[in-house]
Amino acid sequence: MDRNSQRNMLGRIWDEYMTGVKFKAALGNRGLYEQNSMNERFFAGDQWHGANCGNDRPLVRHNVIKRIGDYKIALISKNKVAVNYSADGVTVPVSMNRQIKCLRAELSQGKEQAVSHFSGLTDTLLATEKEIGLVMDALSDYFDITSERVKFTDIQEQALRNAYISGTGIVYTWWDDRIPTGLYADDGRTTPIRGDISCQVLDVENVYFGDPNLDDIQEQPFIMIAQRRDVEDLRREARRYQLREYEVQSIRPDGDTAYMAGEHSGNEPPESGKATVLTKFWKEWNADGTEFVIKAVRVCNKTVIRPAWDIGIRQYPFAKMSWERRRSCAYGESEITYLIPNQIAINRMITASVWAVIMMGMPIMVVNSDIVTSDVTNDPGQVIPVCSGSEDAQSAIRYVDPPKFSPAFDENIASLIGNTLKQAGANDVVLGDVRPDNTSAIMAVRETATLPLLSVQNRFYSFIEDIARIWAEFWVTHYGQRKLKIRDESGTWYLPFNGERYRGLLISTRVDVGPAVLWGEEQSIHTLDSLLDRKVIDPVQYLTRLPKGTVPELSRLINELKNPEKTAADA
C-alpha cells in the first residue's frame, strides 16, 4: 500500500470512529457513555456521587439495584449448559450413533484396532458421515476443555454483568499464536505446536458498529474496537510486523481524545503513556459479490500498527447479547437506567428518616453565651456555672424541638422498596425472604415470577451458541493437524484431528440446558437419604450422587464398598 492510500485509509478509519462516538453520545437523554458510567456507579453502590450533600449528616443507601441485578444474573446463569456440535447436511442415524459411541470408547482405551479403523476413515479423500459424526461428538467434549482453559465461566459472568449494567455484553475471540499447547508436530517432540484461541469481554463503550441501526452483528459492514494500550506494547507489536523505525517512534501517547470518546476507565490521566488504538474488522467481497473474507487492520495515531490481514474465519469473531433490545439499534438497554429514580428516592427517604431519629434522640442545644461562660460538653453529670439570677438560668440552655415525624413515613419507605423489587420481578419468594414451609407453593410462585426473564435467558443461550460457533470456526481453520484433548467417563485421551478435512462443513451448535439445583446441597442430601431408606438406591449409588466435598476420600470409600474382599485382604 502506497503512502497516499495508507493516509486515506487512516483518515477514513478515524472518521468512522468519530461518527460512532457521536452516535453513542446522542443515545438517550445522557448519551451512552455518561449513562453507562452512572449505571455502573449505582450498581456498585456509589449512589451519592455528585450530590454535594456535605458531611454533616449520614448519607444512607439501600441498594435495591444491586439486589435485583445479582438475582437476575444468578437466575439466568444458574443452569448448567452443554454445547453440542453437528454438521448440516450429514446424516447420522441412531445405529451409527451407537457405532460412534463404541469407537470412541475403544479409542479412549488406545486399542490398536480402533486406532487403525479411525485412521482408515481419515485416509479417504472426503470425510465420511461416520468420521464427521465422531469428530462432532468429540468437539462437543473439547468445548469443555477449551472453556476451562479460557475460564469461560468468568467470561460468561462478566459479559452478563455488562449486559445488565450497560444493556450489551460483547465477547471477542481471537487467535493467539503465542499460547503453548504442550503438543508436538513430530513423534520426537522437537517441533512444539503453538497457538490457540483467546477470549476477552469488551465494554460496549469501546465497540463501534458500522451500521448502529442493525441488531444482527454478523450483518454489520464493519466492526471496530477502540482500546487504550501502553505505547511500548504498541511499539513492540509494530516491530513484530516489520514497521520501519521512524514509523514505530511515531506511536506516541495521545491527549484527552480517549476521554472525549469514552474509552477510558475513569482512573487514568491522559498523560499515562497510553494511546488509543483502533482495530477494524470488515467484509471484503469478491468481484461478483458471492463470497467474502473477514479482514482486519490495527492503527494508532497516524500509523498502521498491523497491516490488513485475513483473520481466517468466515464470520466476525464477536458475540453480542442485549439485555433489552432497542428497536432498530445495535446497542441494548439496561433496566438500571429506569430504576435510578426509584433508588434516589429510597436513599433520600431513608436518609431523612435516619436524620429525624438522630434529631429526636440528640436534639440541637441552644446555649446563651452571656449567661453560660464555660464550655458545655453535654457529658453526664457536668456542672455548668450560670453567671446570672435564677430567672435567667431557666433560659440559659434549652433544646430545639425537632419537627413532628409521621410514623407513616417509614411505611412509605418500605412500600416504595417493596414495589420497586416487585415491579422489577424480584419479590420476596424469588429472593428467599420467606420461610420454606410449603415448598410446592413456593416453587409454583417462583416459576411464575421468573417467566418474564425467559426471553433474556434465551438470548443468553443464543449468545453462548454464537461463541461456540466462532470457536468451531477457529478449530477447523487454524488447528491444522493436532490432537484434541478429550475428558469423559473413560478418562483423559487425545483424538487425532485434521481441521482442513472439516473446513467445508456448515457446523451448527445447540445449547442443552441442565436443571439447576433449586434447594441446594442440603435438599439434595435429604432426597438421597429418602431414596436410600426406601432401598430405591444402594449405598454405592448413594455415595456417587452426593455433592462434591461432602465425604472425605469418597472414591476410596466407594472402592472399598465395591471390593470388600480386597479391602479385607489388604487389612
Protein backbone atom coordinates (compact mmCIF):
# COMPACT_ATOMS: atom_id res chain seq x y z
CA MET A 1 0.00 0.00 0.00
CA ASP A 2 1.47 3.39 -1.03
CA ARG A 3 1.67 6.36 1.32
CA ASN A 4 -1.39 8.17 -0.08
CA SER A 5 -3.56 5.06 0.11
CA GLN A 6 -2.44 4.47 3.69
CA ARG A 7 -3.16 8.08 4.62
CA ASN A 8 -6.63 7.86 3.10
CA MET A 9 -7.34 4.60 4.91
CA LEU A 10 -6.23 6.07 8.25
CA GLY A 11 -8.38 9.15 7.74
CA ARG A 12 -11.40 7.01 6.84
CA ILE A 13 -10.98 4.79 9.92
CA TRP A 14 -10.75 7.75 12.30
CA ASP A 15 -13.76 9.42 10.63
CA GLU A 16 -15.78 6.21 11.08
CA TYR A 17 -14.65 6.07 14.69
CA MET A 18 -15.74 9.64 15.45
CA THR A 19 -19.09 9.02 13.71
CA GLY A 20 -19.64 6.09 16.07
CA VAL A 21 -18.67 8.26 19.04
CA LYS A 22 -21.22 10.93 18.09
CA PHE A 23 -23.98 8.31 17.65
CA LYS A 24 -23.33 6.87 21.12
CA ALA A 25 -23.15 10.31 22.71
CA ALA A 26 -26.62 11.09 21.33
CA LEU A 27 -28.33 7.90 22.60
CA GLY A 28 -30.95 8.52 25.27
CA ASN A 29 -31.11 11.58 27.49
CA ARG A 30 -27.50 11.45 28.68
CA GLY A 31 -25.72 9.55 25.93
CA LEU A 32 -24.38 6.01 26.15
CA TYR A 33 -21.06 6.92 27.82
CA GLU A 34 -22.47 9.03 30.65
CA GLN A 35 -25.49 6.79 31.24
CA ASN A 36 -23.42 3.60 31.45
CA SER A 37 -20.96 5.26 33.84
CA MET A 38 -23.89 6.31 36.02
CA ASN A 39 -25.41 2.81 35.89
CA GLU A 40 -22.07 1.30 36.94
CA ARG A 41 -21.81 3.62 39.96
CA PHE A 42 -25.37 2.91 41.10
CA PHE A 43 -24.89 -0.84 40.75
CA ALA A 44 -21.63 -0.75 42.73
CA GLY A 45 -23.19 1.42 45.49
CA ASP A 46 -21.69 4.85 44.77
CA GLN A 47 -25.16 6.38 44.74
CA TRP A 48 -24.47 9.82 46.25
CA HIS A 49 -21.88 10.74 43.64
CA GLY A 50 -22.12 14.44 42.77
CA ALA A 51 -24.97 15.12 45.22
CA ASN A 52 -22.89 17.75 47.13
CA CYS A 53 -24.66 16.94 50.40
CA GLY A 54 -21.64 17.61 52.60
CA ASN A 55 -20.53 15.54 55.57
CA ASP A 56 -22.83 16.91 58.26
CA ARG A 57 -25.32 14.07 58.06
CA PRO A 58 -25.24 10.31 57.30
CA LEU A 59 -25.94 9.54 53.63
CA VAL A 60 -27.72 6.19 53.77
CA ARG A 61 -28.13 3.87 50.78
CA HIS A 62 -30.36 0.83 50.42
CA ASN A 63 -29.04 -0.73 47.21
CA VAL A 64 -32.09 -2.33 45.59
CA ILE A 65 -30.46 -2.10 42.13
CA LYS A 66 -27.65 -4.47 43.05
CA ARG A 67 -30.02 -6.89 44.74
CA ILE A 68 -32.22 -7.03 41.66
CA GLY A 69 -29.21 -7.35 39.36
CA ASP A 70 -27.49 -10.07 41.38
CA TYR A 71 -30.71 -12.09 41.50
CA LYS A 72 -31.38 -11.84 37.77
CA ILE A 73 -27.78 -12.55 36.75
CA ALA A 74 -27.70 -15.60 39.04
CA LEU A 75 -31.08 -16.83 37.77
CA ILE A 76 -30.08 -16.58 34.10
CA SER A 77 -26.69 -18.26 34.54
CA LYS A 78 -27.62 -20.84 37.20
CA ASN A 79 -28.36 -23.72 34.81
CA LYS A 80 -25.52 -25.86 33.55
CA VAL A 81 -25.19 -25.74 29.79
CA ALA A 82 -23.59 -28.20 27.39
CA VAL A 83 -22.73 -27.35 23.79
CA ASN A 84 -23.38 -29.96 21.09
CA TYR A 85 -21.95 -29.67 17.58
CA SER A 86 -23.40 -31.15 14.41
CA ALA A 87 -22.75 -30.78 10.69
CA ASP A 88 -25.63 -29.68 8.48
CA GLY A 89 -26.34 -31.99 5.58
CA VAL A 90 -24.71 -35.00 7.27
CA THR A 91 -27.00 -37.88 8.25
CA VAL A 92 -26.10 -39.74 11.44
CA PRO A 93 -28.75 -42.43 12.14
CA VAL A 94 -29.25 -44.00 15.54
CA SER A 95 -27.40 -47.17 14.53
CA MET A 96 -24.37 -45.10 13.51
CA ASN A 97 -24.55 -43.19 16.79
CA ARG A 98 -24.12 -46.49 18.63
CA GLN A 99 -21.12 -47.35 16.45
CA ILE A 100 -19.60 -43.93 17.15
CA LYS A 101 -20.00 -44.43 20.90
CA CYS A 102 -18.29 -47.82 20.72
CA LEU A 103 -15.46 -46.45 18.56
CA ARG A 104 -14.96 -43.54 20.95
CA ALA A 105 -14.74 -45.91 23.90
CA GLU A 106 -12.16 -48.06 22.11
CA LEU A 107 -10.11 -45.00 21.02
CA SER A 108 -10.06 -43.73 24.60
CA GLN A 109 -8.54 -47.06 25.66
CA GLY A 110 -5.93 -46.89 22.90
CA LYS A 111 -6.97 -50.14 21.20
CA GLU A 112 -4.97 -50.69 18.02
CA GLN A 113 -7.97 -51.96 16.07
CA ALA A 114 -9.95 -48.80 16.82
CA VAL A 115 -6.97 -46.57 16.00
CA SER A 116 -6.46 -48.29 12.65
CA HIS A 117 -10.22 -48.08 11.97
CA PHE A 118 -10.23 -44.34 12.62
CA SER A 119 -7.06 -43.90 10.53
CA GLY A 120 -8.81 -45.72 7.71
CA LEU A 121 -11.68 -43.28 7.93
CA THR A 122 -9.36 -40.27 7.76
CA ASP A 123 -7.34 -41.73 4.86
CA THR A 124 -10.24 -41.22 2.47
CA LEU A 125 -10.28 -38.08 0.35
CA LEU A 126 -13.61 -36.90 1.70
CA ALA A 127 -14.73 -37.19 5.29
CA THR A 128 -17.31 -39.92 5.77
CA GLU A 129 -20.51 -39.49 7.75
CA LYS A 130 -19.19 -41.79 10.48
CA GLU A 131 -15.96 -39.78 10.77
CA ILE A 132 -17.85 -36.47 10.84
CA GLY A 133 -20.24 -37.79 13.48
CA LEU A 134 -17.34 -38.93 15.66
CA VAL A 135 -15.47 -35.61 15.29
CA MET A 136 -18.56 -33.51 16.03
CA ASP A 137 -19.20 -35.63 19.12
CA ALA A 138 -15.57 -35.10 20.20
CA LEU A 139 -15.77 -31.33 19.58
CA SER A 140 -18.72 -31.18 21.96
CA ASP A 141 -16.44 -32.53 24.70
CA TYR A 142 -13.50 -30.42 23.55
CA PHE A 143 -15.64 -27.32 24.11
CA ASP A 144 -15.47 -28.06 27.86
CA ILE A 145 -11.67 -28.38 27.72
CA THR A 146 -11.36 -25.01 25.97
CA SER A 147 -13.86 -23.47 28.40
CA GLU A 148 -11.65 -24.44 31.33
CA ARG A 149 -8.54 -23.04 29.66
CA VAL A 150 -10.02 -19.62 28.82
CA LYS A 151 -12.05 -19.50 32.09
CA PHE A 152 -15.30 -19.32 30.19
CA THR A 153 -17.39 -19.28 33.38
CA ASP A 154 -15.79 -15.96 34.36
CA ILE A 155 -16.28 -14.66 30.83
CA GLN A 156 -19.98 -15.53 30.91
CA GLU A 157 -20.44 -13.84 34.29
CA GLN A 158 -18.61 -10.68 33.23
CA ALA A 159 -20.46 -10.43 29.90
CA LEU A 160 -23.81 -10.97 31.62
CA ARG A 161 -22.96 -8.33 34.22
CA ASN A 162 -22.01 -5.89 31.45
CA ALA A 163 -25.29 -6.66 29.68
CA TYR A 164 -27.28 -5.87 32.83
CA ILE A 165 -25.40 -2.63 33.58
CA SER A 166 -24.90 -1.21 30.09
CA GLY A 167 -27.51 -3.14 28.12
CA THR A 168 -24.97 -5.00 25.94
CA GLY A 169 -22.41 -7.73 26.63
CA ILE A 170 -19.78 -8.49 23.97
CA VAL A 171 -17.18 -11.31 23.83
CA TYR A 172 -14.30 -11.08 21.35
CA THR A 173 -12.40 -14.23 20.31
CA TRP A 174 -9.06 -14.11 18.53
CA TRP A 175 -6.21 -16.41 17.56
CA ASP A 176 -3.19 -16.02 19.86
CA ASP A 177 -0.15 -17.69 18.30
CA ARG A 178 1.87 -17.22 21.49
CA ILE A 179 -0.10 -19.78 23.55
CA PRO A 180 1.84 -23.03 24.21
CA THR A 181 -0.26 -26.17 23.76
CA GLY A 182 2.03 -28.88 25.18
CA LEU A 183 1.66 -30.75 21.87
CA TYR A 184 4.30 -31.53 19.25
CA ALA A 185 4.06 -31.89 15.49
CA ASP A 186 6.50 -34.83 15.41
CA ASP A 187 6.97 -38.02 17.39
CA GLY A 188 10.42 -36.88 18.52
CA ARG A 189 8.84 -33.91 20.32
CA THR A 190 11.19 -31.42 18.69
CA THR A 191 8.61 -29.17 16.99
CA PRO A 192 6.17 -27.71 19.53
CA ILE A 193 2.71 -26.64 18.37
CA ARG A 194 1.83 -23.13 19.43
CA GLY A 195 -1.32 -21.08 19.08
CA ASP A 196 -4.89 -21.33 20.33
CA ILE A 197 -7.96 -19.17 20.78
CA SER A 198 -8.26 -16.47 23.45
CA CYS A 199 -11.35 -14.63 24.64
CA GLN A 200 -11.94 -11.18 26.05
CA VAL A 201 -15.04 -9.40 27.33
CA LEU A 202 -15.31 -5.96 25.74
CA ASP A 203 -17.15 -2.96 27.17
CA VAL A 204 -19.81 -1.77 24.75
CA GLU A 205 -18.39 1.75 25.06
CA ASN A 206 -15.31 0.52 23.19
CA VAL A 207 -17.08 -1.32 20.33
CA TYR A 208 -18.43 0.52 17.29
CA PHE A 209 -20.71 -0.97 14.65
CA GLY A 210 -20.68 0.13 11.04
CA ASP A 211 -24.49 0.25 10.99
CA PRO A 212 -25.69 1.11 14.53
CA ASN A 213 -29.31 0.60 13.43
CA LEU A 214 -28.69 -3.10 12.64
CA ASP A 215 -29.05 -5.57 15.51
CA ASP A 216 -27.53 -8.63 13.77
CA ILE A 217 -23.80 -8.47 14.44
CA GLN A 218 -22.89 -10.75 11.52
CA GLU A 219 -24.63 -8.44 9.03
CA GLN A 220 -22.57 -5.40 10.02
CA PRO A 221 -20.49 -3.79 7.24
CA PHE A 222 -17.64 -3.37 9.74
CA ILE A 223 -16.94 -3.59 13.49
CA MET A 224 -14.34 -1.51 15.29
CA ILE A 225 -12.66 -1.91 18.69
CA ALA A 226 -11.14 1.09 20.48
CA GLN A 227 -8.59 0.34 23.22
CA ARG A 228 -6.18 2.20 25.47
CA ARG A 229 -2.84 0.41 25.35
CA ASP A 230 0.64 1.13 26.58
CA VAL A 231 2.79 2.81 23.93
CA GLU A 232 5.75 0.48 24.46
CA ASP A 233 3.49 -2.52 23.94
CA LEU A 234 2.22 -0.99 20.69
CA ARG A 235 5.77 -0.33 19.51
CA ARG A 236 6.74 -3.95 20.16
CA GLU A 237 3.75 -5.09 18.12
CA ALA A 238 4.67 -2.68 15.30
CA ARG A 239 8.24 -4.06 15.17
CA ARG A 240 6.81 -7.55 15.05
CA TYR A 241 5.12 -6.66 11.76
CA GLN A 242 8.28 -5.10 10.29
CA LEU A 243 7.37 -1.43 10.52
CA ARG A 244 10.24 0.95 9.90
CA GLU A 245 11.79 2.51 12.99
CA TYR A 246 10.64 6.06 12.25
CA GLU A 247 7.06 4.72 12.00
CA VAL A 248 7.50 2.87 15.29
CA GLN A 249 8.70 6.04 17.01
CA SER A 250 5.70 7.97 15.67
CA ILE A 251 3.49 5.95 18.04
CA ARG A 252 3.12 8.30 20.99
CA PRO A 253 0.73 8.82 23.90
CA ASP A 254 -2.32 10.78 22.90
CA GLY A 255 -4.02 13.55 24.83
CA ASP A 256 -7.58 13.57 26.03
CA THR A 257 -9.06 12.10 22.83
CA ALA A 258 -9.99 8.89 24.60
CA TYR A 259 -11.65 10.88 27.38
CA MET A 260 -13.85 12.65 24.85
CA ALA A 261 -14.75 9.34 23.21
CA GLY A 262 -15.43 7.48 26.44
CA GLU A 263 -12.89 4.65 26.24
CA HIS A 264 -11.12 5.49 29.49
CA SER A 265 -11.57 3.71 32.78
CA GLY A 266 -12.02 6.92 34.75
CA ASN A 267 -8.86 6.34 36.83
CA GLU A 268 -6.24 7.11 34.23
CA PRO A 269 -4.76 10.55 33.46
CA PRO A 270 -4.35 11.48 29.80
CA GLU A 271 -0.55 11.60 30.14
CA SER A 272 -0.34 7.99 31.37
CA GLY A 273 1.83 6.76 28.50
CA LYS A 274 -1.08 5.13 26.72
CA ALA A 275 -2.52 5.66 23.27
CA THR A 276 -5.85 4.97 21.62
CA VAL A 277 -5.57 2.08 19.15
CA LEU A 278 -8.33 1.12 16.73
CA THR A 279 -8.83 -2.38 15.29
CA LYS A 280 -11.27 -2.51 12.40
CA PHE A 281 -12.87 -5.71 11.04
CA TRP A 282 -14.70 -5.69 7.73
CA LYS A 283 -16.00 -7.95 4.97
CA GLU A 284 -14.06 -7.92 1.72
CA TRP A 285 -16.24 -9.33 -1.08
CA ASN A 286 -15.09 -10.95 -4.32
CA ALA A 287 -15.77 -9.42 -7.74
CA ASP A 288 -19.22 -10.96 -8.24
CA GLY A 289 -20.32 -10.39 -4.64
CA THR A 290 -20.96 -14.05 -3.82
CA GLU A 291 -18.24 -14.67 -1.22
CA PHE A 292 -16.26 -12.65 1.27
CA VAL A 293 -13.38 -12.90 3.71
CA ILE A 294 -13.11 -11.15 7.08
CA LYS A 295 -10.13 -8.81 7.24
CA ALA A 296 -8.78 -6.61 10.00
CA VAL A 297 -6.31 -3.75 10.42
CA ARG A 298 -4.90 -2.09 13.56
CA VAL A 299 -3.97 1.59 13.64
CA CYS A 300 -2.77 4.13 16.21
CA ASN A 301 -2.40 7.89 15.75
CA LYS A 302 -1.33 8.19 12.11
CA THR A 303 0.42 4.82 11.99
CA VAL A 304 -0.66 1.36 10.88
CA ILE A 305 0.38 -0.95 13.73
CA ARG A 306 -0.57 -4.14 11.92
CA PRO A 307 -1.29 -4.10 8.18
CA ALA A 308 -4.55 -5.61 6.94
CA TRP A 309 -4.71 -9.36 7.45
CA ASP A 310 -7.22 -12.15 6.81
CA ILE A 311 -8.41 -13.45 10.19
CA GLY A 312 -9.10 -16.83 8.58
CA ILE A 313 -12.67 -17.46 9.69
CA ARG A 314 -15.93 -16.90 7.85
CA GLN A 315 -17.69 -14.69 10.39
CA TYR A 316 -16.97 -11.80 12.71
CA PRO A 317 -15.25 -13.08 15.89
CA PHE A 318 -17.76 -11.24 18.10
CA ALA A 319 -20.78 -12.48 20.05
CA LYS A 320 -23.29 -9.95 21.41
CA MET A 321 -26.04 -10.20 23.99
CA SER A 322 -28.58 -7.44 24.58
CA TRP A 323 -30.37 -7.34 27.94
CA GLU A 324 -33.29 -5.45 26.42
CA ARG A 325 -33.38 -4.83 22.70
CA ARG A 326 -33.78 -1.33 21.36
CA ARG A 327 -35.82 -1.07 18.22
CA SER A 328 -33.56 -0.51 15.17
CA CYS A 329 -30.45 -0.23 17.34
CA ALA A 330 -27.39 -2.43 17.74
CA TYR A 331 -26.96 -1.38 21.37
CA GLY A 332 -29.14 -2.82 24.11
CA GLU A 333 -30.91 -1.12 27.00
CA SER A 334 -30.35 -1.57 30.73
CA GLU A 335 -33.17 -1.57 33.26
CA ILE A 336 -30.87 0.23 35.72
CA THR A 337 -31.45 3.43 33.76
CA TYR A 338 -35.11 3.39 34.81
CA LEU A 339 -34.50 2.11 38.35
CA ILE A 340 -32.22 5.02 39.25
CA PRO A 341 -35.07 7.49 40.08
CA ASN A 342 -36.57 4.94 42.50
CA GLN A 343 -33.14 4.32 44.03
CA ILE A 344 -32.56 8.04 44.57
CA ALA A 345 -35.98 8.44 46.20
CA ILE A 346 -35.35 5.45 48.50
CA ASN A 347 -31.94 6.77 49.57
CA ARG A 348 -33.30 10.27 50.25
CA MET A 349 -36.25 9.00 52.26
CA ILE A 350 -34.14 6.64 54.38
CA THR A 351 -31.56 9.38 54.98
CA ALA A 352 -34.32 11.77 56.06
CA SER A 353 -35.76 9.11 58.37
CA VAL A 354 -32.38 8.40 59.98
CA TRP A 355 -31.66 12.10 60.38
CA ALA A 356 -35.07 12.65 62.02
CA VAL A 357 -34.39 9.87 64.54
CA ILE A 358 -30.97 11.37 65.32
CA MET A 359 -32.56 14.79 65.85
CA MET A 360 -35.13 13.34 68.25
CA GLY A 361 -32.55 11.39 70.19
CA MET A 362 -29.90 14.12 70.17
CA PRO A 363 -31.72 17.42 69.58
CA ILE A 364 -29.91 20.70 68.87
CA MET A 365 -28.79 22.53 72.04
CA VAL A 366 -29.04 26.35 72.31
CA VAL A 367 -26.69 27.98 74.84
CA ASN A 368 -26.82 31.64 75.91
CA SER A 369 -23.13 32.55 75.98
CA ASP A 370 -23.81 35.71 78.05
CA ILE A 371 -25.05 33.58 80.92
CA VAL A 372 -23.01 30.37 80.43
CA THR A 373 -19.32 31.22 80.11
CA SER A 374 -17.81 27.72 80.42
CA ASP A 375 -17.64 25.04 77.73
CA VAL A 376 -20.69 22.77 77.51
CA THR A 377 -19.76 19.18 76.64
CA ASN A 378 -23.15 17.58 77.35
CA ASP A 379 -21.37 14.89 79.42
CA PRO A 380 -23.49 13.17 82.11
CA GLY A 381 -23.17 14.93 85.48
CA GLN A 382 -21.47 18.04 84.09
CA VAL A 383 -21.74 21.08 86.37
CA ILE A 384 -22.48 24.25 84.38
CA PRO A 385 -21.89 27.56 86.22
CA VAL A 386 -24.51 30.23 85.37
CA CYS A 387 -23.50 33.87 85.81
CA SER A 388 -26.97 35.39 86.44
CA GLY A 389 -30.08 35.19 88.55
CA SER A 390 -32.38 32.25 88.92
CA GLU A 391 -34.82 33.52 86.27
CA ASP A 392 -32.19 33.72 83.55
CA ALA A 393 -30.86 30.28 84.49
CA GLN A 394 -34.01 28.67 83.06
CA SER A 395 -33.29 30.09 79.61
CA ALA A 396 -29.50 29.65 79.70
CA ILE A 397 -29.67 26.25 77.98
CA ARG A 398 -32.56 24.73 76.04
CA TYR A 399 -33.19 22.17 73.28
CA VAL A 400 -34.81 22.88 69.95
CA ASP A 401 -37.83 20.66 69.46
CA PRO A 402 -37.48 18.77 66.14
CA PRO A 403 -40.46 18.80 63.74
CA LYS A 404 -43.08 16.13 64.20
CA PHE A 405 -42.19 12.95 62.29
CA SER A 406 -45.06 10.93 60.84
CA PRO A 407 -44.92 7.18 61.63
CA ALA A 408 -46.33 6.56 58.13
CA PHE A 409 -43.06 7.83 56.64
CA ASP A 410 -41.26 4.54 57.38
CA GLU A 411 -44.22 2.64 55.95
CA ASN A 412 -43.92 4.66 52.72
CA ILE A 413 -40.23 3.77 52.50
CA ALA A 414 -40.95 0.05 52.93
CA SER A 415 -43.76 0.29 50.39
CA LEU A 416 -41.50 2.01 47.83
CA ILE A 417 -38.76 -0.60 48.29
CA GLY A 418 -41.24 -3.47 48.06
CA ASN A 419 -42.95 -2.08 44.97
CA THR A 420 -39.62 -1.42 43.25
CA LEU A 421 -38.50 -5.01 43.84
CA LYS A 422 -41.90 -6.37 42.82
CA GLN A 423 -42.10 -4.37 39.58
CA ALA A 424 -38.56 -5.49 38.73
CA GLY A 425 -39.61 -9.13 39.13
CA ALA A 426 -37.73 -9.70 42.41
CA ASN A 427 -40.36 -10.42 45.05
CA ASP A 428 -39.81 -11.99 48.48
CA VAL A 429 -40.27 -15.54 47.17
CA VAL A 430 -37.58 -15.41 44.50
CA LEU A 431 -35.20 -13.54 46.80
CA GLY A 432 -35.55 -16.20 49.51
CA ASP A 433 -37.19 -13.92 52.10
CA VAL A 434 -39.88 -16.45 53.01
CA ARG A 435 -39.98 -19.50 55.25
CA PRO A 436 -39.99 -22.68 53.10
CA ASP A 437 -42.99 -24.27 54.81
CA ASN A 438 -44.97 -25.15 51.69
CA THR A 439 -42.30 -25.99 49.12
CA SER A 440 -44.75 -26.84 46.33
CA ALA A 441 -46.49 -23.47 46.58
CA ILE A 442 -43.18 -21.63 46.80
CA MET A 443 -41.87 -23.40 43.70
CA ALA A 444 -45.05 -22.56 41.79
CA VAL A 445 -44.86 -18.88 42.73
CA ARG A 446 -41.16 -18.86 41.94
CA GLU A 447 -41.72 -20.32 38.47
CA THR A 448 -44.40 -17.73 37.75
CA ALA A 449 -42.18 -14.88 38.91
CA THR A 450 -39.27 -15.97 36.73
CA LEU A 451 -41.28 -16.35 33.50
CA PRO A 452 -40.63 -12.74 32.33
CA LEU A 453 -36.88 -13.49 32.33
CA LEU A 454 -37.20 -16.35 29.85
CA SER A 455 -36.63 -14.03 26.88
CA VAL A 456 -33.42 -12.70 28.44
CA GLN A 457 -32.36 -16.24 29.30
CA ASN A 458 -32.95 -17.39 25.71
CA ARG A 459 -30.83 -14.50 24.43
CA PHE A 460 -28.09 -15.65 26.82
CA TYR A 461 -28.20 -19.21 25.46
CA SER A 462 -28.14 -17.89 21.88
CA PHE A 463 -25.12 -15.79 22.89
CA ILE A 464 -23.29 -18.95 24.07
CA GLU A 465 -24.19 -20.71 20.82
CA ASP A 466 -22.66 -17.82 18.86
CA ILE A 467 -19.42 -18.14 20.83
CA ALA A 468 -19.35 -21.91 20.31
CA ARG A 469 -19.82 -21.42 16.56
CA ILE A 470 -16.90 -18.97 16.45
CA TRP A 471 -14.69 -21.42 18.36
CA ALA A 472 -15.53 -24.18 15.87
CA GLU A 473 -14.54 -21.86 13.03
CA PHE A 474 -11.12 -21.33 14.59
CA TRP A 475 -10.67 -25.06 15.21
CA VAL A 476 -11.28 -26.07 11.60
CA THR A 477 -9.38 -23.14 10.06
CA HIS A 478 -6.38 -22.71 12.40
CA TYR A 479 -5.70 -26.02 14.13
CA GLY A 480 -4.38 -27.96 11.15
CA GLN A 481 -3.18 -31.38 12.31
CA ARG A 482 -3.10 -31.72 16.08
CA LYS A 483 -4.64 -33.88 18.77
CA LEU A 484 -7.73 -32.82 20.67
CA LYS A 485 -7.73 -33.37 24.41
CA ILE A 486 -10.92 -35.17 25.46
CA ARG A 487 -12.08 -35.78 29.01
CA ASP A 488 -15.07 -38.08 29.52
CA GLU A 489 -16.15 -41.04 31.64
CA SER A 490 -13.26 -43.05 30.14
CA GLY A 491 -10.68 -40.57 31.43
CA THR A 492 -8.42 -38.21 29.50
CA TRP A 493 -7.32 -39.12 25.99
CA TYR A 494 -6.36 -37.49 22.68
CA LEU A 495 -8.15 -37.71 19.33
CA PRO A 496 -6.21 -37.10 16.08
CA PHE A 497 -7.73 -34.08 14.34
CA ASN A 498 -7.17 -32.53 10.93
CA GLY A 499 -9.11 -29.28 10.67
CA GLU A 500 -8.72 -28.98 6.91
CA ARG A 501 -10.92 -32.07 6.37
CA TYR A 502 -13.89 -30.32 8.01
CA ARG A 503 -13.34 -26.77 6.79
CA GLY A 504 -16.08 -27.06 4.17
CA LEU A 505 -18.72 -28.21 6.65
CA LEU A 506 -21.51 -25.99 7.90
CA ILE A 507 -21.21 -26.60 11.64
CA SER A 508 -24.24 -25.92 13.83
CA THR A 509 -24.31 -25.51 17.59
CA ARG A 510 -27.00 -26.30 20.13
CA VAL A 511 -27.01 -25.49 23.82
CA ASP A 512 -28.53 -28.16 26.05
CA VAL A 513 -29.59 -26.79 29.42
CA GLY A 514 -29.45 -28.97 32.50
CA PRO A 515 -31.66 -28.44 35.55
CA ALA A 516 -30.26 -26.28 38.35
CA VAL A 517 -30.34 -27.32 41.99
CA LEU A 518 -33.25 -25.37 43.44
CA TRP A 519 -32.81 -26.06 47.14
CA GLY A 520 -29.05 -26.58 47.31
CA GLU A 521 -26.94 -29.36 48.74
CA GLU A 522 -28.99 -29.84 51.89
CA GLN A 523 -32.13 -30.66 49.90
CA SER A 524 -30.16 -32.98 47.59
CA ILE A 525 -28.78 -34.94 50.54
CA HIS A 526 -32.25 -35.12 52.08
CA THR A 527 -33.66 -36.57 48.83
CA LEU A 528 -30.83 -39.13 48.60
CA ASP A 529 -31.38 -40.15 52.24
CA SER A 530 -35.04 -40.78 51.48
CA LEU A 531 -34.22 -42.90 48.41
CA LEU A 532 -31.66 -44.93 50.37
CA ASP A 533 -34.08 -45.53 53.26
CA ARG A 534 -36.69 -46.85 50.83
CA LYS A 535 -34.00 -49.02 49.17
CA VAL A 536 -34.58 -47.40 45.79
CA ILE A 537 -30.79 -46.96 45.52
CA ASP A 538 -27.89 -48.87 47.05
CA PRO A 539 -25.04 -47.35 49.12
CA VAL A 540 -22.71 -47.03 46.11
CA GLN A 541 -25.36 -45.18 44.09
CA TYR A 542 -25.98 -43.00 47.13
CA LEU A 543 -22.32 -42.07 47.55
CA THR A 544 -21.67 -41.38 43.86
CA ARG A 545 -24.52 -38.83 43.81
CA LEU A 546 -23.54 -36.88 46.90
CA PRO A 547 -22.46 -33.25 46.35
CA LYS A 548 -18.71 -32.85 45.95
CA GLY A 549 -16.77 -32.45 49.19
CA THR A 550 -19.47 -33.97 51.39
CA VAL A 551 -17.46 -37.10 52.29
CA PRO A 552 -13.64 -37.11 52.55
CA GLU A 553 -11.82 -39.70 50.38
CA LEU A 554 -15.09 -40.56 48.66
CA SER A 555 -13.55 -42.55 45.79
CA ARG A 556 -11.62 -44.72 48.26
CA LEU A 557 -14.80 -45.43 50.21
CA ILE A 558 -16.66 -46.39 47.03
CA ASN A 559 -13.86 -48.77 46.01
CA GLU A 560 -13.94 -50.41 49.44
CA LEU A 561 -17.71 -50.98 49.10
CA LYS A 562 -17.29 -52.41 45.60
CA ASN A 563 -14.39 -54.70 46.56
CA PRO A 564 -14.86 -55.75 50.21
CA GLU A 565 -12.71 -58.90 49.77
CA LYS A 566 -9.71 -56.92 48.53
CA THR A 567 -10.14 -54.41 51.35
CA ALA A 568 -10.17 -57.21 53.96
CA ALA A 569 -7.07 -58.82 52.40
CA ASP A 570 -5.17 -55.51 52.44
CA ALA A 571 -6.10 -55.04 56.10
